[in-house]
Amino acid sequence: MARLAEVAAFSPYHFHRQFTLLFGVNVGRYVQLLRLKRAAHQLAYRDAARITDIALACGYEGPEAFARAFRKQSGQSPSAFRAAPQWGTWATDLQALHALRSEHMPAQPQPHAVEIIEREDVPVAAIEHRGDPARLGETLRAFIAWRRANRLPPAVSATYNIVYDNPDDTPPEAFRMDICAATPAPVAPNEPGVVGKTLAGGRYAVLRHAGSDDTLDQTVAYLYAEWLPASGEEPRDAPLLFQRVRFYPDVPEHEAVTDVLLPLR
């Protein structure tokens, strides 16, 4: 607490109260939510991570204390959540974190940060998510399993999202997004439905987003609403791309990096 107060340049005697009044949640609960959220993502998407290691990384003294806190938050034990994640119990708290970050920790892109580049075609393996964004995690788990089986980890195969729709103004049942991994090899028929596609080359405006996906929509909005009209460029008739450079939960959310690629004529 003293260190947080020092970073915020507030007296430790008043920091806790000011934080709660500003963000609507006390410091301890905020830190706990961030830690448990990352732990949940590690359990759901990183099978190789041991539960004990996840517990220690979250600041718990051992797996027992972590399991109690995790069950209280999620309604499932860590092992049960890993086997079959139920995100419904997280919805309210995660939405509160999203709203808090969007309002108080906005992305602040600058015009000079946008770079126009020429890209070659990129063949990819893609899994197509169709439907409620709340179920995107199920699609992601299936793709990670396929990727692991085909030896295409992010370290050797660039990761992309093809973003067809904005979840904020698209009915849940109509939402579309593809999760992709670059691969020069043909994609054989498979149970999860991963297919071969090509990310079209050409001119792109690229803007790097550093931090949580909670504010990624602000970076996208800046590209469309501010940079594009001022640039004199025209968007191409092709979907937006995200290239995932540094991944959450492998790194904390504030260290995650995503390149937003806007296709240009």
C-alpha atoms as a PDB file:
ATOM      1  CA  MET A   1       0.000   0.000   0.000  1.00  0.00           C
ATOM      2  CA  ALA A   2       2.817   2.416   0.879  1.00  0.00           C
ATOM      3  CA  ARG A   3       4.481   1.770  -2.487  1.00  0.00           C
ATOM      4  CA  LEU A   4       1.229   2.416  -4.390  1.00  0.00           C
ATOM      5  CA  ALA A   5       0.693   5.631  -2.461  1.00  0.00           C
ATOM      6  CA  GLU A   6       4.241   6.716  -3.306  1.00  0.00           C
ATOM      7  CA  VAL A   7       3.719   6.041  -7.030  1.00  0.00           C
ATOM      8  CA  ALA A   8       0.451   7.987  -6.947  1.00  0.00           C
ATOM      9  CA  ALA A   9       2.128  10.826  -4.997  1.00  0.00           C
ATOM     10  CA  PHE A  10      -0.473  10.648  -2.230  1.00  0.00           C
ATOM     11  CA  SER A  11      -0.092  10.365   1.509  1.00  0.00           C
ATOM     12  CA  PRO A  12      -0.500   6.727   2.633  1.00  0.00           C
ATOM     13  CA  TYR A  13      -3.023   8.007   5.173  1.00  0.00           C
ATOM     14  CA  HIS A  14      -5.354   9.255   2.436  1.00  0.00           C
ATOM     15  CA  PHE A  15      -4.492   7.117  -0.596  1.00  0.00           C
ATOM     16  CA  HIS A  16      -6.859   4.247   0.235  1.00  0.00           C
ATOM     17  CA  ARG A  17      -9.864   6.535   0.686  1.00  0.00           C
ATOM     18  CA  GLN A  18      -9.089   8.559  -2.450  1.00  0.00           C
ATOM     19  CA  PHE A  19      -8.625   5.400  -4.522  1.00  0.00           C
ATOM     20  CA  THR A  20     -11.956   3.988  -3.380  1.00  0.00           C
ATOM     21  CA  LEU A  21     -13.816   7.235  -4.050  1.00  0.00           C
ATOM     22  CA  LEU A  22     -12.308   7.571  -7.521  1.00  0.00           C
ATOM     23  CA  PHE A  23     -12.552   3.976  -8.723  1.00  0.00           C
ATOM     24  CA  GLY A  24     -15.485   2.618  -6.737  1.00  0.00           C
ATOM     25  CA  VAL A  25     -13.504  -0.305  -5.308  1.00  0.00           C
ATOM     26  CA  ASN A  26     -10.897  -0.442  -2.570  1.00  0.00           C
ATOM     27  CA  VAL A  27      -7.234  -1.061  -3.353  1.00  0.00           C
ATOM     28  CA  GLY A  28      -7.122  -4.548  -1.879  1.00  0.00           C
ATOM     29  CA  ARG A  29     -10.114  -5.749  -3.878  1.00  0.00           C
ATOM     30  CA  TYR A  30      -8.788  -4.185  -7.081  1.00  0.00           C
ATOM     31  CA  VAL A  31      -5.415  -5.921  -6.723  1.00  0.00           C
ATOM     32  CA  GLN A  32      -7.122  -9.205  -5.854  1.00  0.00           C
ATOM     33  CA  LEU A  33      -9.346  -9.020  -8.942  1.00  0.00           C
ATOM     34  CA  LEU A  34      -6.386  -8.355 -11.215  1.00  0.00           C
ATOM     35  CA  ARG A  35      -4.450 -11.279  -9.754  1.00  0.00           C
ATOM     36  CA  LEU A  36      -7.358 -13.711  -9.867  1.00  0.00           C
ATOM     37  CA  LYS A  37      -8.284 -12.638 -13.394  1.00  0.00           C
ATOM     38  CA  ARG A  38      -4.771 -13.411 -14.615  1.00  0.00           C
ATOM     39  CA  ALA A  39      -4.817 -16.696 -12.716  1.00  0.00           C
ATOM     40  CA  ALA A  40      -8.128 -17.606 -14.370  1.00  0.00           C
ATOM     41  CA  HIS A  41      -6.694 -16.942 -17.826  1.00  0.00           C
ATOM     42  CA  GLN A  42      -3.596 -18.995 -17.023  1.00  0.00           C
ATOM     43  CA  LEU A  43      -5.759 -21.879 -15.832  1.00  0.00           C
ATOM     44  CA  ALA A  44      -8.015 -21.706 -18.874  1.00  0.00           C
ATOM     45  CA  TYR A  45      -5.399 -21.197 -21.585  1.00  0.00           C
ATOM     46  CA  ARG A  46      -2.028 -22.372 -20.247  1.00  0.00           C
ATOM     47  CA  ASP A  47      -2.234 -26.093 -19.483  1.00  0.00           C
ATOM     48  CA  ALA A  48       1.487 -26.353 -18.797  1.00  0.00           C
ATOM     49  CA  ALA A  49       1.365 -23.877 -15.892  1.00  0.00           C
ATOM     50  CA  ARG A  50       1.192 -25.665 -12.542  1.00  0.00           C
ATOM     51  CA  ILE A  51      -1.518 -24.510 -10.143  1.00  0.00           C
ATOM     52  CA  THR A  52       1.073 -24.063  -7.376  1.00  0.00           C
ATOM     53  CA  ASP A  53       3.151 -21.783  -9.604  1.00  0.00           C
ATOM     54  CA  ILE A  54       0.059 -19.783 -10.565  1.00  0.00           C
ATOM     55  CA  ALA A  55      -0.824 -19.398  -6.876  1.00  0.00           C
ATOM     56  CA  LEU A  56       2.636 -18.130  -5.956  1.00  0.00           C
ATOM     57  CA  ALA A  57       2.703 -15.746  -8.923  1.00  0.00           C
ATOM     58  CA  CYS A  58      -0.600 -14.317  -7.691  1.00  0.00           C
ATOM     59  CA  GLY A  59       0.952 -13.486  -4.338  1.00  0.00           C
ATOM     60  CA  TYR A  60      -0.540 -16.344  -2.317  1.00  0.00           C
ATOM     61  CA  GLU A  61       1.612 -18.278   0.131  1.00  0.00           C
ATOM     62  CA  GLY A  62       0.467 -21.616  -1.230  1.00  0.00           C
ATOM     63  CA  PRO A  63      -2.145 -23.435  -3.307  1.00  0.00           C
ATOM     64  CA  GLU A  64      -4.586 -23.845  -0.404  1.00  0.00           C
ATOM     65  CA  ALA A  65      -5.045 -20.106   0.209  1.00  0.00           C
ATOM     66  CA  PHE A  66      -5.221 -19.523  -3.534  1.00  0.00           C
ATOM     67  CA  ALA A  67      -7.839 -22.246  -3.962  1.00  0.00           C
ATOM     68  CA  ARG A  68     -10.047 -20.703  -1.255  1.00  0.00           C
ATOM     69  CA  ALA A  69      -9.862 -17.242  -2.815  1.00  0.00           C
ATOM     70  CA  PHE A  70     -10.386 -18.591  -6.322  1.00  0.00           C
ATOM     71  CA  ARG A  71     -13.394 -20.689  -5.339  1.00  0.00           C
ATOM     72  CA  LYS A  72     -14.935 -17.721  -3.522  1.00  0.00           C
ATOM     73  CA  GLN A  73     -14.558 -15.603  -6.660  1.00  0.00           C
ATOM     74  CA  SER A  74     -15.494 -18.137  -9.318  1.00  0.00           C
ATOM     75  CA  GLY A  75     -17.554 -20.810  -7.605  1.00  0.00           C
ATOM     76  CA  GLN A  76     -15.103 -23.440  -8.894  1.00  0.00           C
ATOM     77  CA  SER A  77     -11.874 -24.902  -7.634  1.00  0.00           C
ATOM     78  CA  PRO A  78      -8.809 -24.071  -9.742  1.00  0.00           C
ATOM     79  CA  SER A  79      -8.653 -27.628 -11.103  1.00  0.00           C
ATOM     80  CA  ALA A  80     -12.375 -27.656 -11.953  1.00  0.00           C
ATOM     81  CA  PHE A  81     -12.080 -24.279 -13.656  1.00  0.00           C
ATOM     82  CA  ARG A  82      -9.115 -25.512 -15.693  1.00  0.00           C
ATOM     83  CA  ALA A  83     -11.118 -28.527 -16.855  1.00  0.00           C
ATOM     84  CA  ALA A  84     -14.291 -26.578 -17.714  1.00  0.00           C
ATOM     85  CA  PRO A  85     -14.129 -22.796 -17.182  1.00  0.00           C
ATOM     86  CA  GLN A  86     -17.390 -21.137 -16.200  1.00  0.00           C
ATOM     87  CA  TRP A  87     -16.961 -17.409 -16.817  1.00  0.00           C
ATOM     88  CA  GLY A  88     -20.511 -16.420 -15.883  1.00  0.00           C
ATOM     89  CA  THR A  89     -19.667 -15.757 -12.238  1.00  0.00           C
ATOM     90  CA  TRP A  90     -16.900 -13.382 -13.347  1.00  0.00           C
ATOM     91  CA  ALA A  91     -19.108 -11.265 -15.592  1.00  0.00           C
ATOM     92  CA  THR A  92     -20.035  -8.494 -13.146  1.00  0.00           C
ATOM     93  CA  ASP A  93     -16.539  -8.036 -11.721  1.00  0.00           C
ATOM     94  CA  LEU A  94     -14.801  -8.179 -15.104  1.00  0.00           C
ATOM     95  CA  GLN A  95     -17.262  -5.670 -16.533  1.00  0.00           C
ATOM     96  CA  ALA A  96     -16.512  -3.382 -13.590  1.00  0.00           C
ATOM     97  CA  LEU A  97     -12.766  -3.657 -14.300  1.00  0.00           C
ATOM     98  CA  HIS A  98     -13.388  -2.912 -17.977  1.00  0.00           C
ATOM     99  CA  ALA A  99     -15.472   0.167 -17.165  1.00  0.00           C
ATOM    100  CA  LEU A 100     -12.924   1.391 -14.613  1.00  0.00           C
ATOM    101  CA  ARG A 101     -10.039   1.150 -17.061  1.00  0.00           C
ATOM    102  CA  SER A 102     -11.978   2.629 -19.964  1.00  0.00           C
ATOM    103  CA  GLU A 103     -12.944   5.676 -17.924  1.00  0.00           C
ATOM    104  CA  HIS A 104      -9.855   6.299 -15.807  1.00  0.00           C
ATOM    105  CA  MET A 105      -6.993   4.678 -17.761  1.00  0.00           C
ATOM    106  CA  PRO A 106      -7.675   5.576 -21.405  1.00  0.00           C
ATOM    107  CA  ALA A 107      -5.393   4.697 -24.276  1.00  0.00           C
ATOM    108  CA  GLN A 108      -3.629   7.828 -25.515  1.00  0.00           C
ATOM    109  CA  PRO A 109      -2.363   7.202 -29.058  1.00  0.00           C
ATOM    110  CA  GLN A 110      -0.561   9.986 -30.910  1.00  0.00           C
ATOM    111  CA  PRO A 111      -0.625  10.755 -34.661  1.00  0.00           C
ATOM    112  CA  HIS A 112       3.135  10.233 -34.995  1.00  0.00           C
ATOM    113  CA  ALA A 113       2.703   6.703 -33.635  1.00  0.00           C
ATOM    114  CA  VAL A 114       0.818   5.597 -36.770  1.00  0.00           C
ATOM    115  CA  GLU A 115       3.034   4.017 -39.415  1.00  0.00           C
ATOM    116  CA  ILE A 116       2.021   3.143 -42.977  1.00  0.00           C
ATOM    117  CA  ILE A 117       3.610  -0.090 -44.159  1.00  0.00           C
ATOM    118  CA  GLU A 118       3.452  -2.484 -47.102  1.00  0.00           C
ATOM    119  CA  ARG A 119       2.757  -6.114 -46.192  1.00  0.00           C
ATOM    120  CA  GLU A 120       3.011  -9.355 -48.140  1.00  0.00           C
ATOM    121  CA  ASP A 121       0.235 -11.949 -48.131  1.00  0.00           C
ATOM    122  CA  VAL A 122       0.343 -14.082 -44.980  1.00  0.00           C
ATOM    123  CA  PRO A 123      -1.075 -17.637 -45.091  1.00  0.00           C
ATOM    124  CA  VAL A 124      -2.697 -18.535 -41.783  1.00  0.00           C
ATOM    125  CA  ALA A 125      -4.570 -21.260 -39.979  1.00  0.00           C
ATOM    126  CA  ALA A 126      -7.801 -19.761 -38.676  1.00  0.00           C
ATOM    127  CA  ILE A 127     -10.604 -20.788 -36.382  1.00  0.00           C
ATOM    128  CA  GLU A 128     -13.811 -18.864 -36.965  1.00  0.00           C
ATOM    129  CA  HIS A 129     -15.688 -17.623 -33.927  1.00  0.00           C
ATOM    130  CA  ARG A 130     -19.316 -16.936 -34.719  1.00  0.00           C
ATOM    131  CA  GLY A 131     -21.732 -15.795 -32.034  1.00  0.00           C
ATOM    132  CA  ASP A 132     -21.695 -14.306 -28.557  1.00  0.00           C
ATOM    133  CA  PRO A 133     -18.314 -12.726 -27.649  1.00  0.00           C
ATOM    134  CA  ALA A 134     -18.867 -14.093 -24.143  1.00  0.00           C
ATOM    135  CA  ARG A 135     -18.139 -17.551 -25.583  1.00  0.00           C
ATOM    136  CA  LEU A 136     -14.946 -16.513 -27.331  1.00  0.00           C
ATOM    137  CA  GLY A 137     -12.937 -18.316 -24.660  1.00  0.00           C
ATOM    138  CA  GLU A 138     -14.302 -21.680 -25.816  1.00  0.00           C
ATOM    139  CA  THR A 139     -13.123 -20.990 -29.357  1.00  0.00           C
ATOM    140  CA  LEU A 140      -9.746 -19.840 -28.069  1.00  0.00           C
ATOM    141  CA  ARG A 141      -9.243 -23.011 -26.025  1.00  0.00           C
ATOM    142  CA  ALA A 142     -10.014 -25.153 -29.070  1.00  0.00           C
ATOM    143  CA  PHE A 143      -7.557 -23.184 -31.197  1.00  0.00           C
ATOM    144  CA  ILE A 144      -4.796 -23.341 -28.585  1.00  0.00           C
ATOM    145  CA  ALA A 145      -5.207 -27.133 -28.396  1.00  0.00           C
ATOM    146  CA  TRP A 146      -5.018 -27.418 -32.200  1.00  0.00           C
ATOM    147  CA  ARG A 147      -2.024 -25.101 -32.310  1.00  0.00           C
ATOM    148  CA  ARG A 148      -0.184 -27.114 -29.678  1.00  0.00           C
ATOM    149  CA  ALA A 149      -0.904 -30.383 -31.489  1.00  0.00           C
ATOM    150  CA  ASN A 150       0.461 -28.893 -34.716  1.00  0.00           C
ATOM    151  CA  ARG A 151       3.565 -27.374 -33.085  1.00  0.00           C
ATOM    152  CA  LEU A 152       2.726 -23.782 -33.940  1.00  0.00           C
ATOM    153  CA  PRO A 153       3.407 -21.894 -30.689  1.00  0.00           C
ATOM    154  CA  PRO A 154       3.379 -18.080 -30.733  1.00  0.00           C
ATOM    155  CA  ALA A 155       7.170 -18.063 -30.505  1.00  0.00           C
ATOM    156  CA  VAL A 156       7.425 -19.458 -34.055  1.00  0.00           C
ATOM    157  CA  SER A 157       4.051 -18.524 -35.552  1.00  0.00           C
ATOM    158  CA  ALA A 158       2.673 -14.973 -35.506  1.00  0.00           C
ATOM    159  CA  THR A 159      -0.796 -14.632 -33.989  1.00  0.00           C
ATOM    160  CA  TYR A 160      -3.560 -12.556 -35.560  1.00  0.00           C
ATOM    161  CA  ASN A 161      -7.224 -11.743 -35.110  1.00  0.00           C
ATOM    162  CA  ILE A 162      -9.416 -10.930 -38.103  1.00  0.00           C
ATOM    163  CA  VAL A 163     -11.912  -8.457 -36.672  1.00  0.00           C
ATOM    164  CA  TYR A 164     -15.088  -8.346 -38.740  1.00  0.00           C
ATOM    165  CA  ASP A 165     -17.386  -6.707 -36.192  1.00  0.00           C
ATOM    166  CA  ASN A 166     -17.375  -4.288 -33.275  1.00  0.00           C
ATOM    167  CA  PRO A 167     -18.830  -6.140 -30.273  1.00  0.00           C
ATOM    168  CA  ASP A 168     -20.189  -2.854 -28.901  1.00  0.00           C
ATOM    169  CA  ASP A 169     -22.631  -2.362 -31.779  1.00  0.00           C
ATOM    170  CA  THR A 170     -23.155  -5.901 -33.088  1.00  0.00           C
ATOM    171  CA  PRO A 171     -25.869  -8.238 -31.754  1.00  0.00           C
ATOM    172  CA  PRO A 172     -24.141 -11.062 -29.852  1.00  0.00           C
ATOM    173  CA  GLU A 173     -25.478 -13.736 -32.188  1.00  0.00           C
ATOM    174  CA  ALA A 174     -24.062 -11.879 -35.229  1.00  0.00           C
ATOM    175  CA  PHE A 175     -20.536 -11.263 -33.885  1.00  0.00           C
ATOM    176  CA  ARG A 176     -17.654 -12.617 -36.009  1.00  0.00           C
ATOM    177  CA  MET A 177     -13.925 -12.872 -35.353  1.00  0.00           C
ATOM    178  CA  ASP A 178     -11.195 -15.254 -36.521  1.00  0.00           C
ATOM    179  CA  ILE A 179      -8.219 -16.335 -34.413  1.00  0.00           C
ATOM    180  CA  CYS A 180      -5.213 -17.103 -36.616  1.00  0.00           C
ATOM    181  CA  ALA A 181      -1.669 -18.411 -36.583  1.00  0.00           C
ATOM    182  CA  ALA A 182       0.718 -17.866 -39.477  1.00  0.00           C
ATOM    183  CA  THR A 183       1.708 -21.085 -41.226  1.00  0.00           C
ATOM    184  CA  PRO A 184       3.023 -21.826 -44.712  1.00  0.00           C
ATOM    185  CA  ALA A 185       1.738 -25.407 -44.546  1.00  0.00           C
ATOM    186  CA  PRO A 186      -1.712 -26.445 -45.813  1.00  0.00           C
ATOM    187  CA  VAL A 187      -4.267 -26.996 -43.053  1.00  0.00           C
ATOM    188  CA  ALA A 188      -5.563 -30.561 -42.994  1.00  0.00           C
ATOM    189  CA  PRO A 189      -9.215 -31.265 -42.068  1.00  0.00           C
ATOM    190  CA  ASN A 190      -9.568 -31.316 -38.292  1.00  0.00           C
ATOM    191  CA  GLU A 191     -12.163 -31.656 -35.550  1.00  0.00           C
ATOM    192  CA  PRO A 192     -12.193 -28.050 -34.216  1.00  0.00           C
ATOM    193  CA  GLY A 193     -12.728 -26.690 -37.740  1.00  0.00           C
ATOM    194  CA  VAL A 194      -9.470 -24.793 -38.228  1.00  0.00           C
ATOM    195  CA  VAL A 195      -9.172 -23.748 -41.895  1.00  0.00           C
ATOM    196  CA  GLY A 196      -6.566 -22.190 -44.136  1.00  0.00           C
ATOM    197  CA  LYS A 197      -6.935 -18.514 -45.048  1.00  0.00           C
ATOM    198  CA  THR A 198      -4.750 -15.696 -46.352  1.00  0.00           C
ATOM    199  CA  LEU A 199      -4.288 -12.276 -44.792  1.00  0.00           C
ATOM    200  CA  ALA A 200      -4.125 -10.041 -47.844  1.00  0.00           C
ATOM    201  CA  GLY A 201      -1.005  -7.991 -48.359  1.00  0.00           C
ATOM    202  CA  GLY A 202      -0.966  -4.343 -49.331  1.00  0.00           C
ATOM    203  CA  ARG A 203      -0.834  -1.030 -47.526  1.00  0.00           C
ATOM    204  CA  TYR A 204      -1.744  -0.881 -43.837  1.00  0.00           C
ATOM    205  CA  ALA A 205      -1.813   1.786 -41.173  1.00  0.00           C
ATOM    206  CA  VAL A 206      -0.289   0.289 -38.040  1.00  0.00           C
ATOM    207  CA  LEU A 207      -0.807   1.605 -34.528  1.00  0.00           C
ATOM    208  CA  ARG A 208       0.687  -0.198 -31.552  1.00  0.00           C
ATOM    209  CA  HIS A 209      -1.560  -0.652 -28.521  1.00  0.00           C
ATOM    210  CA  ALA A 210       0.232  -1.246 -25.224  1.00  0.00           C
ATOM    211  CA  GLY A 211      -1.790  -2.570 -22.327  1.00  0.00           C
ATOM    212  CA  SER A 212      -5.085  -4.236 -21.605  1.00  0.00           C
ATOM    213  CA  ASP A 213      -7.672  -5.198 -24.195  1.00  0.00           C
ATOM    214  CA  ASP A 214     -10.067  -3.178 -22.020  1.00  0.00           C
ATOM    215  CA  THR A 215      -8.864  -0.046 -23.838  1.00  0.00           C
ATOM    216  CA  LEU A 216      -8.106  -1.599 -27.227  1.00  0.00           C
ATOM    217  CA  ASP A 217     -11.378  -0.217 -28.586  1.00  0.00           C
ATOM    218  CA  GLN A 218     -10.104   3.307 -27.850  1.00  0.00           C
ATOM    219  CA  THR A 219      -7.016   2.728 -29.988  1.00  0.00           C
ATOM    220  CA  VAL A 220      -9.213   1.434 -32.818  1.00  0.00           C
ATOM    221  CA  ALA A 221     -11.570   4.407 -32.438  1.00  0.00           C
ATOM    222  CA  TYR A 222      -8.627   6.811 -32.661  1.00  0.00           C
ATOM    223  CA  LEU A 223      -7.496   5.268 -35.947  1.00  0.00           C
ATOM    224  CA  TYR A 224     -10.939   5.540 -37.529  1.00  0.00           C
ATOM    225  CA  ALA A 225     -12.273   8.767 -36.026  1.00  0.00           C
ATOM    226  CA  GLU A 226      -9.152  10.940 -35.751  1.00  0.00           C
ATOM    227  CA  TRP A 227      -6.175   9.651 -37.691  1.00  0.00           C
ATOM    228  CA  LEU A 228      -7.978   8.459 -40.833  1.00  0.00           C
ATOM    229  CA  PRO A 229      -9.882  11.718 -41.615  1.00  0.00           C
ATOM    230  CA  ALA A 230      -6.754  13.804 -41.010  1.00  0.00           C
ATOM    231  CA  SER A 231      -4.462  11.532 -43.035  1.00  0.00           C
ATOM    232  CA  GLY A 232      -6.184  11.764 -46.402  1.00  0.00           C
ATOM    233  CA  GLU A 233      -6.047   7.967 -46.643  1.00  0.00           C
ATOM    234  CA  GLU A 234      -8.993   5.721 -47.531  1.00  0.00           C
ATOM    235  CA  PRO A 235      -9.724   2.370 -45.912  1.00  0.00           C
ATOM    236  CA  ARG A 236      -9.683  -0.711 -48.097  1.00  0.00           C
ATOM    237  CA  ASP A 237     -12.680  -3.048 -48.261  1.00  0.00           C
ATOM    238  CA  ALA A 238     -11.110  -5.561 -45.896  1.00  0.00           C
ATOM    239  CA  PRO A 239     -11.451  -6.297 -42.176  1.00  0.00           C
ATOM    240  CA  LEU A 240      -9.301  -4.841 -39.417  1.00  0.00           C
ATOM    241  CA  LEU A 241      -6.460  -7.022 -38.131  1.00  0.00           C
ATOM    242  CA  PHE A 242      -4.884  -7.376 -34.708  1.00  0.00           C
ATOM    243  CA  GLN A 243      -1.398  -8.845 -34.454  1.00  0.00           C
ATOM    244  CA  ARG A 244      -0.731 -10.117 -30.948  1.00  0.00           C
ATOM    245  CA  VAL A 245       2.893  -9.289 -30.142  1.00  0.00           C
ATOM    246  CA  ARG A 246       3.041  -9.898 -26.373  1.00  0.00           C
ATOM    247  CA  PHE A 247       0.366 -12.024 -24.769  1.00  0.00           C
ATOM    248  CA  TYR A 248      -1.700 -11.757 -21.626  1.00  0.00           C
ATOM    249  CA  PRO A 249      -1.648 -13.805 -19.383  1.00  0.00           C
ATOM    250  CA  ASP A 250       1.989 -14.654 -20.191  1.00  0.00           C
ATOM    251  CA  VAL A 251       2.754 -11.050 -19.269  1.00  0.00           C
ATOM    252  CA  PRO A 252       0.698  -8.733 -17.023  1.00  0.00           C
ATOM    253  CA  GLU A 253      -2.018  -6.810 -18.845  1.00  0.00           C
ATOM    254  CA  HIS A 254      -0.111  -3.526 -18.781  1.00  0.00           C
ATOM    255  CA  GLU A 255       2.798  -5.232 -20.597  1.00  0.00           C
ATOM    256  CA  ALA A 256       0.669  -6.788 -23.353  1.00  0.00           C
ATOM    257  CA  VAL A 257       1.265  -5.461 -26.887  1.00  0.00           C
ATOM    258  CA  THR A 258      -1.126  -5.572 -29.854  1.00  0.00           C
ATOM    259  CA  ASP A 259      -0.554  -4.025 -33.275  1.00  0.00           C
ATOM    260  CA  VAL A 260      -3.761  -2.706 -34.855  1.00  0.00           C
ATOM    261  CA  LEU A 261      -3.607  -2.953 -38.662  1.00  0.00           C
ATOM    262  CA  LEU A 262      -6.054  -0.902 -40.741  1.00  0.00           C
ATOM    263  CA  PRO A 263      -6.114  -1.895 -44.455  1.00  0.00           C
ATOM    264  CA  LEU A 264      -5.632   1.086 -46.795  1.00  0.00           C
ATOM    265  CA  ARG A 265      -6.232   1.565 -50.512  1.00  0.00           C
END
